[in-house]
PDB file of N, CA and C in Angstrom:
ATOM      1  N   UNK A   1       0.818  -1.180  -0.044  1.00  0.00           N
ATOM      2  CA  UNK A   1      -0.037  -0.087  -0.075  1.00  0.00           C
ATOM      3  C   UNK A   1       0.877   1.273  -0.060  1.00  0.00           C
ATOM      4  N   UNK A   2       0.550   2.191  -0.715  1.00  0.00           N
ATOM      5  CA  UNK A   2       1.343   3.456  -0.869  1.00  0.00           C
ATOM      6  C   UNK A   2       1.051   4.418   0.366  1.00  0.00           C
ATOM      7  N   UNK A   3       2.070   4.725   1.093  1.00  0.00           N
ATOM      8  CA  UNK A   3       1.917   5.472   2.262  1.00  0.00           C
ATOM      9  C   UNK A   3       1.852   7.036   1.996  1.00  0.00           C
ATOM     10  N   UNK A   4       2.232   7.474   0.862  1.00  0.00           N
ATOM     11  CA  UNK A   4       2.161   8.839   0.480  1.00  0.00           C
ATOM     12  C   UNK A   4       0.673   9.289   0.420  1.00  0.00           C
ATOM     13  N   UNK A   5      -0.284   8.542  -0.030  1.00  0.00           N
ATOM     14  CA  UNK A   5      -1.609   8.961  -0.243  1.00  0.00           C
ATOM     15  C   UNK A   5      -2.179   9.409   1.087  1.00  0.00           C
ATOM     16  N   UNK A   6      -2.112   8.644   2.194  1.00  0.00           N
ATOM     17  CA  UNK A   6      -2.701   9.082   3.538  1.00  0.00           C
ATOM     18  C   UNK A   6      -2.046  10.476   3.980  1.00  0.00           C
ATOM     19  N   UNK A   7      -0.672  10.508   3.742  1.00  0.00           N
ATOM     20  CA  UNK A   7      -0.018  11.679   4.155  1.00  0.00           C
ATOM     21  C   UNK A   7      -0.517  12.930   3.352  1.00  0.00           C
ATOM     22  N   UNK A   8      -0.693  12.733   2.063  1.00  0.00           N
ATOM     23  CA  UNK A   8      -1.236  13.779   1.178  1.00  0.00           C
ATOM     24  C   UNK A   8      -2.582  14.266   1.653  1.00  0.00           C
ATOM     25  N   UNK A   9      -3.438  13.315   1.923  1.00  0.00           N
ATOM     26  CA  UNK A   9      -4.795  13.610   2.391  1.00  0.00           C
ATOM     27  C   UNK A   9      -4.747  14.359   3.737  1.00  0.00           C
ATOM     28  N   UNK A  10      -3.960  13.959   4.689  1.00  0.00           N
ATOM     29  CA  UNK A  10      -3.698  14.701   5.940  1.00  0.00           C
ATOM     30  C   UNK A  10      -3.191  16.078   5.712  1.00  0.00           C
ATOM     31  N   UNK A  11      -2.223  16.245   4.847  1.00  0.00           N
ATOM     32  CA  UNK A  11      -1.743  17.590   4.590  1.00  0.00           C
ATOM     33  C   UNK A  11      -2.820  18.523   3.909  1.00  0.00           C
ATOM     34  N   UNK A  12      -3.605  17.935   3.071  1.00  0.00           N
ATOM     35  CA  UNK A  12      -4.680  18.624   2.425  1.00  0.00           C
ATOM     36  C   UNK A  12      -5.634  19.130   3.487  1.00  0.00           C
ATOM     37  N   UNK A  13      -6.092  18.336   4.342  1.00  0.00           N
ATOM     38  CA  UNK A  13      -7.025  18.561   5.376  1.00  0.00           C
ATOM     39  C   UNK A  13      -6.493  19.606   6.369  1.00  0.00           C
ATOM     40  N   UNK A  14      -5.225  19.547   6.712  1.00  0.00           N
ATOM     41  CA  UNK A  14      -4.615  20.485   7.470  1.00  0.00           C
ATOM     42  C   UNK A  14      -4.564  21.828   6.864  1.00  0.00           C
ATOM     43  N   UNK A  15      -4.300  21.864   5.588  1.00  0.00           N
ATOM     44  CA  UNK A  15      -4.166  23.214   4.882  1.00  0.00           C
ATOM     45  C   UNK A  15      -5.547  23.766   4.835  1.00  0.00           C
ATOM     46  N   UNK A  16      -6.515  23.013   4.483  1.00  0.00           N
ATOM     47  CA  UNK A  16      -7.950  23.600   4.452  1.00  0.00           C
ATOM     48  C   UNK A  16      -8.424  24.179   5.785  1.00  0.00           C
ATOM     49  N   UNK A  17      -8.055  23.511   6.852  1.00  0.00           N
ATOM     50  CA  UNK A  17      -8.455  23.905   8.205  1.00  0.00           C
ATOM     51  C   UNK A  17      -7.781  25.196   8.523  1.00  0.00           C
ATOM     52  N   UNK A  18      -6.397  25.309   8.259  1.00  0.00           N
ATOM     53  CA  UNK A  18      -5.701  26.495   8.590  1.00  0.00           C
ATOM     54  C   UNK A  18      -6.192  27.747   7.718  1.00  0.00           C
ATOM     55  N   UNK A  19      -6.610  27.545   6.465  1.00  0.00           N
ATOM     56  CA  UNK A  19      -7.084  28.536   5.691  1.00  0.00           C
ATOM     57  C   UNK A  19      -8.392  28.979   6.257  1.00  0.00           C
ATOM     58  N   UNK A  20      -9.347  28.233   6.669  1.00  0.00           N
ATOM     59  CA  UNK A  20     -10.586  28.656   7.157  1.00  0.00           C
ATOM     60  C   UNK A  20     -10.512  29.344   8.533  1.00  0.00           C
ATOM     61  N   UNK A  21      -9.358  29.074   9.229  1.00  0.00           N
ATOM     62  CA  UNK A  21      -9.274  29.789  10.613  1.00  0.00           C
ATOM     63  C   UNK A  21      -8.653  31.188  10.329  1.00  0.00           C
ATOM     64  N   UNK A  22      -8.034  31.423   9.246  1.00  0.00           N
ATOM     65  CA  UNK A  22      -7.588  32.815   8.975  1.00  0.00           C
ATOM     66  C   UNK A  22      -8.552  33.731   8.408  1.00  0.00           C
ATOM     67  N   UNK A  23      -9.573  33.293   7.990  1.00  0.00           N
ATOM     68  CA  UNK A  23     -10.658  34.157   7.384  1.00  0.00           C
ATOM     69  C   UNK A  23     -11.243  35.012   8.301  1.00  0.00           C
ATOM     70  N   UNK A  24     -11.454  36.311   7.947  1.00  0.00           N
ATOM     71  CA  UNK A  24     -12.167  37.223   8.822  1.00  0.00           C
ATOM     72  C   UNK A  24     -13.637  36.977   8.731  1.00  0.00           C
ATOM     73  N   UNK A  25     -14.298  36.972   9.838  1.00  0.00           N
ATOM     74  CA  UNK A  25     -15.744  36.694   9.898  1.00  0.00           C
ATOM     75  C   UNK A  25     -16.612  37.888  10.240  1.00  0.00           C
ATOM     76  N   UNK A  26     -17.718  38.056   9.664  1.00  0.00           N
ATOM     77  CA  UNK A  26     -18.592  39.216   9.927  1.00  0.00           C
ATOM     78  C   UNK A  26     -19.148  39.035  11.369  1.00  0.00           C
ATOM     79  N   UNK A  27     -19.432  40.359  11.844  1.00  0.00           N
ATOM     80  CA  UNK A  27     -20.086  40.473  13.226  1.00  0.00           C
ATOM     81  C   UNK A  27     -21.046  41.444  12.960  1.00  0.00           C
ATOM     82  N   UNK A  28     -22.049  41.598  13.950  1.00  0.00           N
ATOM     83  CA  UNK A  28     -23.077  42.692  13.924  1.00  0.00           C
ATOM     84  C   UNK A  28     -22.665  43.767  14.900  1.00  0.00           C
ATOM     85  N   UNK A  29     -23.396  44.787  15.040  1.00  0.00           N
ATOM     86  CA  UNK A  29     -23.040  45.855  15.959  1.00  0.00           C
ATOM     87  C   UNK A  29     -22.906  45.555  17.404  1.00  0.00           C
ATOM     88  N   UNK A  30     -23.857  44.651  17.857  1.00  0.00           N
ATOM     89  CA  UNK A  30     -23.788  44.349  19.281  1.00  0.00           C
ATOM     90  C   UNK A  30     -22.496  43.464  19.574  1.00  0.00           C
ATOM     91  N   UNK A  31     -22.116  42.501  18.666  1.00  0.00           N
ATOM     92  CA  UNK A  31     -20.986  41.790  18.830  1.00  0.00           C
ATOM     93  C   UNK A  31     -19.658  42.626  18.747  1.00  0.00           C
ATOM     94  N   UNK A  32     -19.773  43.612  17.963  1.00  0.00           N
ATOM     95  CA  UNK A  32     -18.529  44.521  17.762  1.00  0.00           C
ATOM     96  C   UNK A  32     -18.235  45.377  18.932  1.00  0.00           C
ATOM     97  N   UNK A  33     -19.253  45.630  19.766  1.00  0.00           N
ATOM     98  CA  UNK A  33     -19.046  46.476  20.960  1.00  0.00           C
ATOM     99  C   UNK A  33     -18.026  45.878  21.872  1.00  0.00           C
ATOM    100  N   UNK A  34     -17.874  44.574  21.930  1.00  0.00           N
ATOM    101  CA  UNK A  34     -16.923  43.889  22.771  1.00  0.00           C
ATOM    102  C   UNK A  34     -15.603  43.576  22.118  1.00  0.00           C
ATOM    103  N   UNK A  35     -15.355  44.221  20.889  1.00  0.00           N
ATOM    104  CA  UNK A  35     -14.090  43.953  20.256  1.00  0.00           C
ATOM    105  C   UNK A  35     -13.269  45.251  20.044  1.00  0.00           C
ATOM    106  N   UNK A  36     -12.029  45.109  19.806  1.00  0.00           N
ATOM    107  CA  UNK A  36     -11.202  46.173  19.621  1.00  0.00           C
ATOM    108  C   UNK A  36     -10.994  46.533  18.038  1.00  0.00           C
ATOM    109  N   UNK A  37     -11.451  47.733  17.714  1.00  0.00           N
ATOM    110  CA  UNK A  37     -11.337  48.193  16.373  1.00  0.00           C
ATOM    111  C   UNK A  37      -9.910  48.438  16.019  1.00  0.00           C
ATOM    112  N   UNK A  38      -9.550  48.020  14.790  1.00  0.00           N
ATOM    113  CA  UNK A  38      -8.139  48.324  14.320  1.00  0.00           C
ATOM    114  C   UNK A  38      -8.168  49.125  13.140  1.00  0.00           C
ATOM    115  N   UNK A  39      -9.294  49.715  12.755  1.00  0.00           N
ATOM    116  CA  UNK A  39      -9.450  50.547  11.550  1.00  0.00           C
ATOM    117  C   UNK A  39     -10.591  50.200  10.658  1.00  0.00           C
ATOM    118  N   UNK A  40     -10.414  50.593   9.348  1.00  0.00           N
ATOM    119  CA  UNK A  40     -11.542  50.267   8.461  1.00  0.00           C
ATOM    120  C   UNK A  40     -10.830  49.897   7.093  1.00  0.00           C
ATOM    121  N   UNK A  41     -11.668  49.358   6.295  1.00  0.00           N
ATOM    122  CA  UNK A  41     -11.331  49.058   4.917  1.00  0.00           C
ATOM    123  C   UNK A  41     -12.472  49.438   3.934  1.00  0.00           C
ATOM    124  N   UNK A  42     -12.164  49.717   2.749  1.00  0.00           N
ATOM    125  CA  UNK A  42     -13.201  50.179   1.816  1.00  0.00           C
ATOM    126  C   UNK A  42     -12.856  49.641   0.431  1.00  0.00           C
ATOM    127  N   UNK A  43     -13.930  49.524  -0.331  1.00  0.00           N
ATOM    128  CA  UNK A  43     -13.799  49.031  -1.752  1.00  0.00           C
ATOM    129  C   UNK A  43     -14.710  50.044  -2.567  1.00  0.00           C
ATOM    130  N   UNK A  44     -14.368  50.073  -3.832  1.00  0.00           N
ATOM    131  CA  UNK A  44     -15.188  50.862  -4.817  1.00  0.00           C
ATOM    132  C   UNK A  44     -15.053  50.223  -6.154  1.00  0.00           C
ATOM    133  N   UNK A  45     -16.001  50.404  -6.981  1.00  0.00           N
ATOM    134  CA  UNK A  45     -15.983  49.805  -8.309  1.00  0.00           C
ATOM    135  C   UNK A  45     -15.960  48.348  -8.429  1.00  0.00           C
ATOM    136  N   UNK A  46     -16.650  47.628  -7.456  1.00  0.00           N
ATOM    137  CA  UNK A  46     -16.721  46.255  -7.416  1.00  0.00           C
ATOM    138  C   UNK A  46     -17.838  45.845  -8.323  1.00  0.00           C
ATOM    139  N   UNK A  47     -17.564  45.152  -9.493  1.00  0.00           N
ATOM    140  CA  UNK A  47     -18.599  44.671 -10.431  1.00  0.00           C
ATOM    141  C   UNK A  47     -19.296  43.524  -9.929  1.00  0.00           C
ATOM    142  N   UNK A  48     -20.620  43.478  -9.970  1.00  0.00           N
ATOM    143  CA  UNK A  48     -21.398  42.339  -9.606  1.00  0.00           C
ATOM    144  C   UNK A  48     -22.534  42.683  -8.606  1.00  0.00           C
ATOM    145  N   UNK A  49     -22.541  41.939  -7.522  1.00  0.00           N
ATOM    146  CA  UNK A  49     -23.647  42.044  -6.532  1.00  0.00           C
ATOM    147  C   UNK A  49     -23.099  42.603  -5.224  1.00  0.00           C
ATOM    148  N   UNK A  50     -24.067  42.673  -4.264  1.00  0.00           N
ATOM    149  CA  UNK A  50     -23.715  42.947  -2.927  1.00  0.00           C
ATOM    150  C   UNK A  50     -22.729  41.988  -2.332  1.00  0.00           C
ATOM    151  N   UNK A  51     -23.025  40.753  -2.638  1.00  0.00           N
ATOM    152  CA  UNK A  51     -22.172  39.540  -2.149  1.00  0.00           C
ATOM    153  C   UNK A  51     -20.790  39.711  -2.677  1.00  0.00           C
ATOM    154  N   UNK A  52     -20.554  40.224  -3.829  1.00  0.00           N
ATOM    155  CA  UNK A  52     -19.244  40.420  -4.397  1.00  0.00           C
ATOM    156  C   UNK A  52     -18.505  41.493  -3.650  1.00  0.00           C
ATOM    157  N   UNK A  53     -19.221  42.603  -3.318  1.00  0.00           N
ATOM    158  CA  UNK A  53     -18.571  43.775  -2.544  1.00  0.00           C
ATOM    159  C   UNK A  53     -18.299  43.195  -1.124  1.00  0.00           C
ATOM    160  N   UNK A  54     -19.182  42.393  -0.592  1.00  0.00           N
ATOM    161  CA  UNK A  54     -18.943  41.938   0.784  1.00  0.00           C
ATOM    162  C   UNK A  54     -17.683  41.045   0.761  1.00  0.00           C
ATOM    163  N   UNK A  55     -17.635  40.251  -0.166  1.00  0.00           N
ATOM    164  CA  UNK A  55     -16.422  39.250  -0.237  1.00  0.00           C
ATOM    165  C   UNK A  55     -15.084  40.152  -0.322  1.00  0.00           C
ATOM    166  N   UNK A  56     -15.204  41.116  -1.217  1.00  0.00           N
ATOM    167  CA  UNK A  56     -14.014  41.982  -1.337  1.00  0.00           C
ATOM    168  C   UNK A  56     -13.563  42.668   0.051  1.00  0.00           C
ATOM    169  N   UNK A  57     -14.678  43.150   0.679  1.00  0.00           N
ATOM    170  CA  UNK A  57     -14.403  43.763   2.079  1.00  0.00           C
ATOM    171  C   UNK A  57     -13.795  42.697   3.041  1.00  0.00           C
ATOM    172  N   UNK A  58     -14.298  41.596   3.021  1.00  0.00           N
ATOM    173  CA  UNK A  58     -13.715  40.524   3.840  1.00  0.00           C
ATOM    174  C   UNK A  58     -12.321  40.129   3.498  1.00  0.00           C
ATOM    175  N   UNK A  59     -12.091  40.123   2.300  1.00  0.00           N
ATOM    176  CA  UNK A  59     -10.671  39.799   1.770  1.00  0.00           C
ATOM    177  C   UNK A  59      -9.665  40.972   2.279  1.00  0.00           C
ATOM    178  N   UNK A  60     -10.143  42.171   2.156  1.00  0.00           N
ATOM    179  CA  UNK A  60      -9.237  43.353   2.587  1.00  0.00           C
ATOM    180  C   UNK A  60      -9.139  43.270   4.156  1.00  0.00           C
ATOM    181  N   UNK A  61     -10.138  42.983   4.879  1.00  0.00           N
ATOM    182  CA  UNK A  61     -10.062  42.815   6.286  1.00  0.00           C
ATOM    183  C   UNK A  61      -8.953  41.903   6.687  1.00  0.00           C
ATOM    184  N   UNK A  62      -9.106  40.666   5.996  1.00  0.00           N
ATOM    185  CA  UNK A  62      -8.128  39.581   6.262  1.00  0.00           C
ATOM    186  C   UNK A  62      -6.672  40.018   5.991  1.00  0.00           C
ATOM    187  N   UNK A  63      -6.529  40.654   4.813  1.00  0.00           N
ATOM    188  CA  UNK A  63      -5.170  41.213   4.483  1.00  0.00           C
ATOM    189  C   UNK A  63      -4.636  42.147   5.495  1.00  0.00           C
ATOM    190  N   UNK A  64      -5.513  42.889   6.227  1.00  0.00           N
ATOM    191  CA  UNK A  64      -5.094  43.810   7.344  1.00  0.00           C
ATOM    192  C   UNK A  64      -4.898  43.219   8.674  1.00  0.00           C
ATOM    193  N   UNK A  65      -5.035  41.934   8.730  1.00  0.00           N
ATOM    194  CA  UNK A  65      -4.941  41.111   9.912  1.00  0.00           C
ATOM    195  C   UNK A  65      -6.131  41.082  10.911  1.00  0.00           C
ATOM    196  N   UNK A  66      -7.190  41.392  10.357  1.00  0.00           N
ATOM    197  CA  UNK A  66      -8.391  41.439  11.084  1.00  0.00           C
ATOM    198  C   UNK A  66      -9.018  39.982  11.300  1.00  0.00           C
ATOM    199  N   UNK A  67      -9.563  39.697  12.454  1.00  0.00           N
ATOM    200  CA  UNK A  67     -10.270  38.464  12.672  1.00  0.00           C
ATOM    201  C   UNK A  67     -11.678  38.610  12.346  1.00  0.00           C
ATOM    202  N   UNK A  68     -12.323  39.788  12.513  1.00  0.00           N
ATOM    203  CA  UNK A  68     -13.599  40.148  12.272  1.00  0.00           C
ATOM    204  C   UNK A  68     -13.833  41.433  11.559  1.00  0.00           C
ATOM    205  N   UNK A  69     -15.026  41.607  10.863  1.00  0.00           N
ATOM    206  CA  UNK A  69     -15.353  42.843  10.317  1.00  0.00           C
ATOM    207  C   UNK A  69     -16.786  43.133  10.370  1.00  0.00           C
ATOM    208  N   UNK A  70     -17.199  44.434  10.249  1.00  0.00           N
ATOM    209  CA  UNK A  70     -18.596  44.701  10.290  1.00  0.00           C
ATOM    210  C   UNK A  70     -18.902  45.744   9.150  1.00  0.00           C
ATOM    211  N   UNK A  71     -19.796  45.411   8.250  1.00  0.00           N
ATOM    212  CA  UNK A  71     -20.140  46.228   7.186  1.00  0.00           C
ATOM    213  C   UNK A  71     -20.785  47.483   7.763  1.00  0.00           C
ATOM    214  N   UNK A  72     -20.198  48.672   7.439  1.00  0.00           N
ATOM    215  CA  UNK A  72     -20.783  49.967   7.782  1.00  0.00           C
ATOM    216  C   UNK A  72     -21.707  50.567   6.775  1.00  0.00           C
ATOM    217  N   UNK A  73     -21.207  50.392   5.422  1.00  0.00           N
ATOM    218  CA  UNK A  73     -21.955  50.843   4.386  1.00  0.00           C
ATOM    219  C   UNK A  73     -21.641  50.067   3.114  1.00  0.00           C
ATOM    220  N   UNK A  74     -22.730  50.058   2.276  1.00  0.00           N
ATOM    221  CA  UNK A  74     -22.590  49.348   0.989  1.00  0.00           C
ATOM    222  C   UNK A  74     -23.641  49.930   0.093  1.00  0.00           C
ATOM    223  N   UNK A  75     -23.224  50.387  -1.118  1.00  0.00           N
ATOM    224  CA  UNK A  75     -24.240  50.904  -2.022  1.00  0.00           C
ATOM    225  C   UNK A  75     -23.780  50.881  -3.479  1.00  0.00           C
ATOM    226  N   UNK A  76     -24.704  51.138  -4.384  1.00  0.00           N
ATOM    227  CA  UNK A  76     -24.375  51.210  -5.808  1.00  0.00           C
ATOM    228  C   UNK A  76     -25.234  52.287  -6.301  1.00  0.00           C
ATOM    229  N   UNK A  77     -24.566  53.196  -7.100  1.00  0.00           N
ATOM    230  CA  UNK A  77     -25.213  54.371  -7.666  1.00  0.00           C
ATOM    231  C   UNK A  77     -26.312  54.000  -8.713  1.00  0.00           C
ATOM    232  N   UNK A  78     -27.455  54.379  -8.455  1.00  0.00           N
ATOM    233  CA  UNK A  78     -28.557  54.162  -9.439  1.00  0.00           C
ATOM    234  C   UNK A  78     -28.690  52.725  -9.884  1.00  0.00           C
ATOM    235  N   UNK A  79     -28.673  52.438 -11.279  1.00  0.00           N
ATOM    236  CA  UNK A  79     -28.724  51.116 -11.700  1.00  0.00           C
ATOM    237  C   UNK A  79     -27.473  50.507 -12.109  1.00  0.00           C
ATOM    238  N   UNK A  80     -26.404  51.031 -11.540  1.00  0.00           N
ATOM    239  CA  UNK A  80     -25.112  50.507 -11.884  1.00  0.00           C
ATOM    240  C   UNK A  80     -24.853  49.138 -11.113  1.00  0.00           C
ATOM    241  N   UNK A  81     -23.970  48.403 -11.698  1.00  0.00           N
ATOM    242  CA  UNK A  81     -23.561  47.087 -10.946  1.00  0.00           C
ATOM    243  C   UNK A  81     -22.283  47.246 -10.392  1.00  0.00           C
ATOM    244  N   UNK A  82     -21.783  48.475 -10.133  1.00  0.00           N
ATOM    245  CA  UNK A  82     -20.500  48.712  -9.519  1.00  0.00           C
ATOM    246  C   UNK A  82     -20.827  49.157  -8.053  1.00  0.00           C
ATOM    247  N   UNK A  83     -20.267  48.361  -7.126  1.00  0.00           N
ATOM    248  CA  UNK A  83     -20.587  48.561  -5.740  1.00  0.00           C
ATOM    249  C   UNK A  83     -19.408  49.223  -5.001  1.00  0.00           C
ATOM    250  N   UNK A  84     -19.711  49.900  -3.972  1.00  0.00           N
ATOM    251  CA  UNK A  84     -18.796  50.469  -3.031  1.00  0.00           C
ATOM    252  C   UNK A  84     -19.208  50.130  -1.658  1.00  0.00           C
ATOM    253  N   UNK A  85     -18.276  50.043  -0.674  1.00  0.00           N
ATOM    254  CA  UNK A  85     -18.598  49.728   0.675  1.00  0.00           C
ATOM    255  C   UNK A  85     -17.486  50.031   1.569  1.00  0.00           C
ATOM    256  N   UNK A  86     -17.801  49.977   2.878  1.00  0.00           N
ATOM    257  CA  UNK A  86     -16.852  50.263   3.953  1.00  0.00           C
ATOM    258  C   UNK A  86     -17.126  49.275   5.138  1.00  0.00           C
ATOM    259  N   UNK A  87     -16.082  48.850   5.734  1.00  0.00           N
ATOM    260  CA  UNK A  87     -16.238  47.899   6.848  1.00  0.00           C
ATOM    261  C   UNK A  87     -15.260  48.268   8.029  1.00  0.00           C
ATOM    262  N   UNK A  88     -15.668  48.262   9.169  1.00  0.00           N
ATOM    263  CA  UNK A  88     -14.776  48.390  10.263  1.00  0.00           C
ATOM    264  C   UNK A  88     -14.319  47.103  10.643  1.00  0.00           C
ATOM    265  N   UNK A  89     -13.014  47.149  10.957  1.00  0.00           N
ATOM    266  CA  UNK A  89     -12.218  45.808  11.140  1.00  0.00           C
ATOM    267  C   UNK A  89     -11.820  45.666  12.606  1.00  0.00           C
ATOM    268  N   UNK A  90     -11.808  44.393  13.106  1.00  0.00           N
ATOM    269  CA  UNK A  90     -11.499  44.149  14.539  1.00  0.00           C
ATOM    270  C   UNK A  90     -10.498  42.999  14.679  1.00  0.00           C
ATOM    271  N   UNK A  91      -9.801  43.049  15.810  1.00  0.00           N
ATOM    272  CA  UNK A  91      -8.879  42.014  16.080  1.00  0.00           C
ATOM    273  C   UNK A  91      -9.395  41.174  17.264  1.00  0.00           C
TER     274      UNK A  91
END
């Protein structure tokens, strides 16, 4: 039996677990009251939907070392599909 296959599976599971623990997670206002703010992030010109803008905000929060983020604003002018948004980030 090939012993590298179980090792490869274990390494893949470990990598998947570590990536999920690094992701910034959303919080609401009441949860954020008990957290330390480390600043804010913003995006503009995000093509697509509100989900796309939220995903970009979460990605920026993560890049700044945040463990959590709270969407402060998100909008699109008129009938445009270009979104802008801001999120406060927390450690």
